[in-house]
């Protein structure tokens, strides 16, 4: 069983930077590929980024365009999402996901459901 808890979301100004954290519990956390998704107000959930269980491979949605960086520290059971040059359209609840299958997470096709989800952390970006 893996439990995920996100933190770091807050109210920021456009152009600011922010780092979100997701800490997992459970002895097998390091075996999971991890990812970030977000849901903006009134919109569908959207894939943001993913990272392999080892942390050596990172994957990003096209809209990221170099502004987001995902990283992982297995020793701390934590993944991070650094967001630079925040825009109002980045306003969303950001969710952390864990999937034993890296391929399934990266493809996140159809009605994708991770093995585990966090409850999310809210990022609000003002113009």
N, C-alpha and C. Protein backbone atom coordinates (compact mmCIF):
# COMPACT_ATOMS: atom_id res chain seq x y z
N UNK A 1 0.84 -1.18 0.00
CA UNK A 1 0.00 0.00 0.00
C UNK A 1 0.89 1.24 0.00
N UNK A 2 0.59 2.17 -0.87
CA UNK A 2 1.32 3.43 -0.97
C UNK A 2 0.35 4.57 -0.73
N UNK A 3 0.73 5.48 0.13
CA UNK A 3 -0.07 6.69 0.35
C UNK A 3 0.75 7.88 -0.09
N UNK A 4 0.11 8.81 -0.78
CA UNK A 4 0.79 9.97 -1.34
C UNK A 4 0.19 11.24 -0.76
N UNK A 5 1.06 12.15 -0.37
CA UNK A 5 0.61 13.43 0.19
C UNK A 5 1.36 14.55 -0.51
N UNK A 6 0.61 15.40 -1.19
CA UNK A 6 1.20 16.55 -1.88
C UNK A 6 1.26 17.75 -0.95
N UNK A 7 2.20 18.64 -1.23
CA UNK A 7 2.30 19.89 -0.49
C UNK A 7 2.99 20.92 -1.37
N UNK A 8 2.93 22.16 -0.92
CA UNK A 8 3.63 23.23 -1.62
C UNK A 8 2.73 24.16 -2.42
N UNK A 9 1.49 23.77 -2.62
CA UNK A 9 0.59 24.64 -3.37
C UNK A 9 0.24 25.89 -2.57
N UNK A 10 0.14 27.01 -3.28
CA UNK A 10 -0.20 28.27 -2.61
C UNK A 10 -0.59 29.30 -3.64
N UNK A 11 -0.93 30.47 -3.16
CA UNK A 11 -1.27 31.60 -4.02
C UNK A 11 0.03 32.30 -4.42
N UNK A 12 0.20 32.50 -5.73
CA UNK A 12 1.39 33.17 -6.23
C UNK A 12 1.03 34.17 -7.31
N UNK A 13 1.99 34.99 -7.68
CA UNK A 13 1.81 35.95 -8.75
C UNK A 13 2.35 35.37 -10.06
N UNK A 14 1.80 35.81 -11.15
CA UNK A 14 2.31 35.39 -12.46
C UNK A 14 3.79 35.73 -12.56
N UNK A 15 4.57 34.79 -13.09
CA UNK A 15 6.00 34.98 -13.21
C UNK A 15 6.80 34.38 -12.07
N UNK A 16 6.13 34.07 -10.97
CA UNK A 16 6.80 33.44 -9.83
C UNK A 16 7.18 32.00 -10.14
N UNK A 17 7.96 31.43 -9.23
CA UNK A 17 8.32 30.02 -9.30
C UNK A 17 7.80 29.31 -8.06
N UNK A 18 7.61 28.02 -8.20
CA UNK A 18 7.02 27.24 -7.11
C UNK A 18 7.50 25.80 -7.23
N UNK A 19 7.71 25.15 -6.09
CA UNK A 19 8.06 23.73 -6.11
C UNK A 19 7.04 22.95 -5.29
N UNK A 20 6.42 22.00 -5.93
CA UNK A 20 5.48 21.11 -5.27
C UNK A 20 6.21 19.84 -4.85
N UNK A 21 5.76 19.27 -3.75
CA UNK A 21 6.33 18.03 -3.25
C UNK A 21 5.25 16.97 -3.11
N UNK A 22 5.66 15.73 -3.27
CA UNK A 22 4.75 14.61 -3.04
C UNK A 22 5.54 13.55 -2.28
N UNK A 23 5.13 13.29 -1.07
CA UNK A 23 5.82 12.31 -0.24
C UNK A 23 4.99 11.05 -0.13
N UNK A 24 5.63 9.92 -0.37
CA UNK A 24 4.94 8.64 -0.32
C UNK A 24 5.33 7.83 0.88
N UNK A 25 4.40 7.04 1.33
CA UNK A 25 4.69 6.13 2.42
C UNK A 25 4.54 4.71 1.91
N UNK A 26 5.21 3.78 2.56
CA UNK A 26 5.14 2.39 2.13
C UNK A 26 6.50 1.91 1.70
N UNK A 27 6.81 0.67 1.97
CA UNK A 27 8.15 0.14 1.72
C UNK A 27 8.50 0.00 0.26
N UNK A 28 7.50 0.04 -0.64
CA UNK A 28 7.78 -0.18 -2.05
C UNK A 28 7.70 1.09 -2.88
N UNK A 29 7.71 2.23 -2.24
CA UNK A 29 7.57 3.50 -2.97
C UNK A 29 8.59 3.63 -4.08
N UNK A 30 9.80 3.24 -3.85
CA UNK A 30 10.87 3.43 -4.83
C UNK A 30 10.68 2.56 -6.06
N UNK A 31 9.77 1.61 -6.02
CA UNK A 31 9.53 0.73 -7.17
C UNK A 31 8.56 1.33 -8.18
N UNK A 32 7.96 2.46 -7.86
CA UNK A 32 6.91 3.03 -8.67
C UNK A 32 7.41 4.18 -9.54
N UNK A 33 6.92 4.20 -10.77
CA UNK A 33 7.03 5.41 -11.57
C UNK A 33 6.04 6.42 -10.98
N UNK A 34 6.39 7.68 -11.07
CA UNK A 34 5.57 8.71 -10.44
C UNK A 34 5.21 9.78 -11.45
N UNK A 35 4.12 10.45 -11.20
CA UNK A 35 3.72 11.49 -12.12
C UNK A 35 2.94 12.60 -11.45
N UNK A 36 2.81 13.69 -12.18
CA UNK A 36 1.97 14.81 -11.76
C UNK A 36 0.89 15.04 -12.81
N UNK A 37 -0.31 15.26 -12.31
CA UNK A 37 -1.44 15.64 -13.12
C UNK A 37 -2.04 16.89 -12.51
N UNK A 38 -2.88 17.57 -13.25
CA UNK A 38 -3.55 18.73 -12.68
C UNK A 38 -4.97 18.83 -13.23
N UNK A 39 -5.81 19.49 -12.45
CA UNK A 39 -7.17 19.77 -12.88
C UNK A 39 -7.48 21.23 -12.61
N UNK A 40 -7.63 21.96 -13.69
CA UNK A 40 -7.99 23.38 -13.58
C UNK A 40 -9.48 23.50 -13.34
N UNK A 41 -9.92 24.61 -12.79
CA UNK A 41 -11.35 24.80 -12.53
C UNK A 41 -12.19 24.60 -13.79
N UNK A 42 -13.16 23.71 -13.72
CA UNK A 42 -14.06 23.48 -14.83
C UNK A 42 -13.47 22.68 -15.98
N UNK A 43 -12.28 22.11 -15.79
CA UNK A 43 -11.64 21.37 -16.88
C UNK A 43 -11.36 19.93 -16.47
N UNK A 44 -11.01 19.13 -17.45
CA UNK A 44 -10.67 17.75 -17.21
C UNK A 44 -9.26 17.65 -16.60
N UNK A 45 -9.01 16.53 -15.96
CA UNK A 45 -7.68 16.28 -15.45
C UNK A 45 -6.68 16.24 -16.61
N UNK A 46 -5.50 16.76 -16.37
CA UNK A 46 -4.50 16.90 -17.43
C UNK A 46 -3.15 16.37 -16.95
N UNK A 47 -2.53 15.60 -17.80
CA UNK A 47 -1.19 15.07 -17.50
C UNK A 47 -0.17 16.19 -17.57
N UNK A 48 0.77 16.19 -16.62
CA UNK A 48 1.82 17.22 -16.59
C UNK A 48 3.20 16.62 -16.85
N UNK A 49 3.59 15.63 -16.03
CA UNK A 49 4.93 15.08 -16.13
C UNK A 49 5.00 13.73 -15.43
N UNK A 50 6.02 12.96 -15.77
CA UNK A 50 6.23 11.67 -15.13
C UNK A 50 7.72 11.41 -15.00
N UNK A 51 8.06 10.51 -14.08
CA UNK A 51 9.45 10.16 -13.86
C UNK A 51 9.53 8.67 -13.56
N UNK A 52 10.59 8.04 -14.06
CA UNK A 52 10.75 6.61 -13.86
C UNK A 52 11.04 6.29 -12.39
N UNK A 53 10.91 5.02 -12.04
CA UNK A 53 11.14 4.63 -10.65
C UNK A 53 12.54 4.99 -10.19
N UNK A 54 13.50 4.91 -11.10
CA UNK A 54 14.89 5.22 -10.75
C UNK A 54 15.17 6.71 -10.74
N UNK A 55 14.28 7.47 -11.37
CA UNK A 55 14.50 8.91 -11.48
C UNK A 55 15.35 9.31 -12.66
N UNK A 56 15.77 8.36 -13.46
CA UNK A 56 16.69 8.67 -14.55
C UNK A 56 15.99 9.12 -15.82
N UNK A 57 14.70 8.84 -15.95
CA UNK A 57 13.95 9.26 -17.14
C UNK A 57 12.81 10.17 -16.73
N UNK A 58 12.68 11.28 -17.45
CA UNK A 58 11.60 12.22 -17.18
C UNK A 58 10.78 12.42 -18.47
N UNK A 59 9.51 12.65 -18.29
CA UNK A 59 8.61 12.83 -19.42
C UNK A 59 7.71 14.02 -19.12
N UNK A 60 7.39 14.78 -20.17
CA UNK A 60 6.62 15.99 -19.97
C UNK A 60 5.52 16.13 -21.02
N UNK A 61 4.44 16.76 -20.60
CA UNK A 61 3.40 17.13 -21.55
C UNK A 61 3.92 18.23 -22.46
N UNK A 62 3.36 18.32 -23.64
CA UNK A 62 3.85 19.30 -24.61
C UNK A 62 3.73 20.73 -24.10
N UNK A 63 2.70 21.02 -23.34
CA UNK A 63 2.47 22.41 -22.94
C UNK A 63 3.51 22.89 -21.92
N UNK A 64 4.26 21.97 -21.32
CA UNK A 64 5.23 22.33 -20.29
C UNK A 64 6.28 23.29 -20.83
N UNK A 65 6.79 22.97 -22.02
CA UNK A 65 7.72 23.85 -22.74
C UNK A 65 8.88 24.35 -21.88
N UNK A 66 9.47 23.47 -21.11
CA UNK A 66 10.66 23.82 -20.35
C UNK A 66 10.41 24.54 -19.04
N UNK A 67 9.16 24.83 -18.72
CA UNK A 67 8.89 25.56 -17.48
C UNK A 67 8.79 24.65 -16.26
N UNK A 68 8.58 23.36 -16.48
CA UNK A 68 8.37 22.41 -15.38
C UNK A 68 9.54 21.43 -15.32
N UNK A 69 9.93 21.06 -14.11
CA UNK A 69 10.95 20.05 -13.93
C UNK A 69 10.49 19.07 -12.86
N UNK A 70 10.49 17.80 -13.22
CA UNK A 70 10.12 16.76 -12.26
C UNK A 70 11.38 16.06 -11.78
N UNK A 71 11.44 15.75 -10.50
CA UNK A 71 12.59 15.06 -9.94
C UNK A 71 12.13 14.13 -8.83
N UNK A 72 13.01 13.23 -8.44
CA UNK A 72 12.65 12.22 -7.46
C UNK A 72 13.82 11.94 -6.53
N UNK A 73 13.52 11.80 -5.27
CA UNK A 73 14.52 11.41 -4.28
C UNK A 73 13.99 10.19 -3.55
N UNK A 74 14.41 9.01 -3.99
CA UNK A 74 13.91 7.78 -3.39
C UNK A 74 14.26 7.67 -1.91
N UNK A 75 15.42 8.18 -1.54
CA UNK A 75 15.83 8.09 -0.14
C UNK A 75 14.86 8.84 0.76
N UNK A 76 14.20 9.84 0.21
CA UNK A 76 13.25 10.63 0.97
C UNK A 76 11.81 10.31 0.60
N UNK A 77 11.62 9.32 -0.25
CA UNK A 77 10.27 8.95 -0.69
C UNK A 77 9.51 10.15 -1.23
N UNK A 78 10.19 10.99 -1.96
CA UNK A 78 9.57 12.25 -2.39
C UNK A 78 9.85 12.53 -3.86
N UNK A 79 8.85 13.05 -4.53
CA UNK A 79 9.06 13.62 -5.85
C UNK A 79 8.72 15.09 -5.80
N UNK A 80 9.24 15.83 -6.76
CA UNK A 80 9.06 17.27 -6.80
C UNK A 80 8.61 17.69 -8.19
N UNK A 81 7.94 18.82 -8.23
CA UNK A 81 7.61 19.46 -9.49
C UNK A 81 7.94 20.94 -9.35
N UNK A 82 9.00 21.35 -10.00
CA UNK A 82 9.38 22.76 -10.00
C UNK A 82 8.70 23.44 -11.18
N UNK A 83 8.03 24.52 -10.91
CA UNK A 83 7.33 25.27 -11.95
C UNK A 83 7.87 26.69 -11.98
N UNK A 84 8.37 27.09 -13.12
CA UNK A 84 8.89 28.44 -13.29
C UNK A 84 7.97 29.26 -14.18
N UNK A 85 8.12 30.56 -14.08
CA UNK A 85 7.34 31.49 -14.91
C UNK A 85 5.86 31.14 -14.89
N UNK A 86 5.32 31.04 -13.71
CA UNK A 86 3.92 30.63 -13.56
C UNK A 86 2.99 31.58 -14.29
N UNK A 87 1.94 30.98 -14.86
CA UNK A 87 0.93 31.72 -15.60
C UNK A 87 -0.43 31.50 -14.95
N UNK A 88 -1.35 32.42 -15.13
CA UNK A 88 -2.69 32.21 -14.56
C UNK A 88 -3.32 30.89 -15.00
N UNK A 89 -3.02 30.46 -16.21
CA UNK A 89 -3.59 29.20 -16.69
C UNK A 89 -2.98 27.97 -16.02
N UNK A 90 -1.96 28.17 -15.19
CA UNK A 90 -1.42 27.07 -14.39
C UNK A 90 -2.23 26.85 -13.12
N UNK A 91 -3.18 27.72 -12.87
CA UNK A 91 -4.04 27.55 -11.70
C UNK A 91 -4.78 26.23 -11.78
N UNK A 92 -4.59 25.40 -10.76
CA UNK A 92 -5.18 24.06 -10.77
C UNK A 92 -4.88 23.36 -9.47
N UNK A 93 -5.57 22.26 -9.25
CA UNK A 93 -5.19 21.32 -8.20
C UNK A 93 -4.21 20.34 -8.84
N UNK A 94 -3.06 20.20 -8.24
CA UNK A 94 -2.02 19.32 -8.76
C UNK A 94 -2.01 18.03 -7.95
N UNK A 95 -2.10 16.93 -8.68
CA UNK A 95 -2.17 15.61 -8.07
C UNK A 95 -0.91 14.81 -8.37
N UNK A 96 -0.50 14.06 -7.39
CA UNK A 96 0.61 13.14 -7.53
C UNK A 96 0.05 11.74 -7.79
N UNK A 97 0.72 10.98 -8.65
CA UNK A 97 0.27 9.64 -8.98
C UNK A 97 1.43 8.66 -8.94
N UNK A 98 1.14 7.46 -8.54
CA UNK A 98 2.14 6.39 -8.53
C UNK A 98 1.62 5.22 -9.35
N UNK A 99 2.47 4.71 -10.21
CA UNK A 99 2.08 3.59 -11.07
C UNK A 99 3.24 2.61 -11.16
N UNK A 100 2.93 1.35 -10.95
CA UNK A 100 3.99 0.35 -11.05
C UNK A 100 4.46 0.21 -12.49
N UNK A 101 3.60 0.58 -13.45
CA UNK A 101 3.96 0.52 -14.85
C UNK A 101 4.33 1.90 -15.38
N UNK A 102 5.58 2.09 -15.68
CA UNK A 102 6.04 3.37 -16.23
C UNK A 102 5.38 3.63 -17.59
N UNK A 103 5.27 2.59 -18.39
CA UNK A 103 4.67 2.75 -19.73
C UNK A 103 3.22 3.20 -19.61
N UNK A 104 2.48 2.58 -18.73
CA UNK A 104 1.08 2.95 -18.58
C UNK A 104 0.95 4.39 -18.11
N UNK A 105 1.79 4.80 -17.19
CA UNK A 105 1.75 6.17 -16.70
C UNK A 105 2.10 7.18 -17.80
N UNK A 106 3.14 6.90 -18.54
CA UNK A 106 3.57 7.83 -19.58
C UNK A 106 2.51 7.91 -20.69
N UNK A 107 1.89 6.80 -21.02
CA UNK A 107 0.85 6.82 -22.04
C UNK A 107 -0.45 7.42 -21.52
N UNK A 108 -0.77 7.20 -20.26
CA UNK A 108 -1.98 7.71 -19.60
C UNK A 108 -3.15 7.80 -20.57
N UNK A 109 -3.36 6.73 -21.27
CA UNK A 109 -4.37 6.75 -22.33
C UNK A 109 -5.76 6.50 -21.78
N UNK A 110 -6.74 6.98 -22.50
CA UNK A 110 -8.14 6.74 -22.15
C UNK A 110 -8.46 7.22 -20.75
N UNK A 111 -9.22 6.46 -20.06
CA UNK A 111 -9.59 6.79 -18.68
C UNK A 111 -8.52 6.28 -17.73
N UNK A 112 -7.37 6.93 -17.83
CA UNK A 112 -6.22 6.47 -17.07
C UNK A 112 -6.46 6.56 -15.57
N UNK A 113 -6.10 5.51 -14.87
CA UNK A 113 -6.14 5.51 -13.42
C UNK A 113 -4.82 4.94 -12.91
N UNK A 114 -4.13 5.72 -12.09
CA UNK A 114 -2.89 5.27 -11.49
C UNK A 114 -3.19 4.23 -10.41
N UNK A 115 -2.14 3.57 -9.98
CA UNK A 115 -2.30 2.63 -8.86
C UNK A 115 -2.67 3.39 -7.58
N UNK A 116 -2.06 4.57 -7.43
CA UNK A 116 -2.32 5.39 -6.25
C UNK A 116 -2.36 6.86 -6.64
N UNK A 117 -3.20 7.59 -5.95
CA UNK A 117 -3.32 9.04 -6.14
C UNK A 117 -3.22 9.75 -4.81
N UNK A 118 -2.63 10.95 -4.85
CA UNK A 118 -2.73 11.83 -3.71
C UNK A 118 -4.01 12.62 -3.79
N UNK A 119 -4.27 13.43 -2.77
CA UNK A 119 -5.50 14.21 -2.73
C UNK A 119 -5.35 15.58 -3.39
N UNK A 120 -4.13 15.95 -3.70
CA UNK A 120 -3.91 17.18 -4.43
C UNK A 120 -3.50 18.36 -3.59
N UNK A 121 -2.88 19.33 -4.25
CA UNK A 121 -2.50 20.58 -3.63
C UNK A 121 -2.84 21.71 -4.60
N UNK A 122 -3.44 22.78 -4.09
CA UNK A 122 -3.97 23.85 -4.93
C UNK A 122 -2.91 24.91 -5.22
N UNK A 123 -2.75 25.20 -6.49
CA UNK A 123 -1.90 26.30 -6.94
C UNK A 123 -2.80 27.35 -7.58
N UNK A 124 -2.71 28.57 -7.09
CA UNK A 124 -3.48 29.67 -7.65
C UNK A 124 -2.52 30.74 -8.10
N UNK A 125 -2.62 31.11 -9.38
CA UNK A 125 -1.72 32.10 -9.96
C UNK A 125 -2.54 33.32 -10.35
N UNK A 126 -2.22 34.45 -9.76
CA UNK A 126 -2.93 35.68 -10.11
C UNK A 126 -2.20 36.43 -11.21
N UNK A 127 -2.93 37.15 -12.05
CA UNK A 127 -2.30 37.87 -13.18
C UNK A 127 -1.33 38.93 -12.71
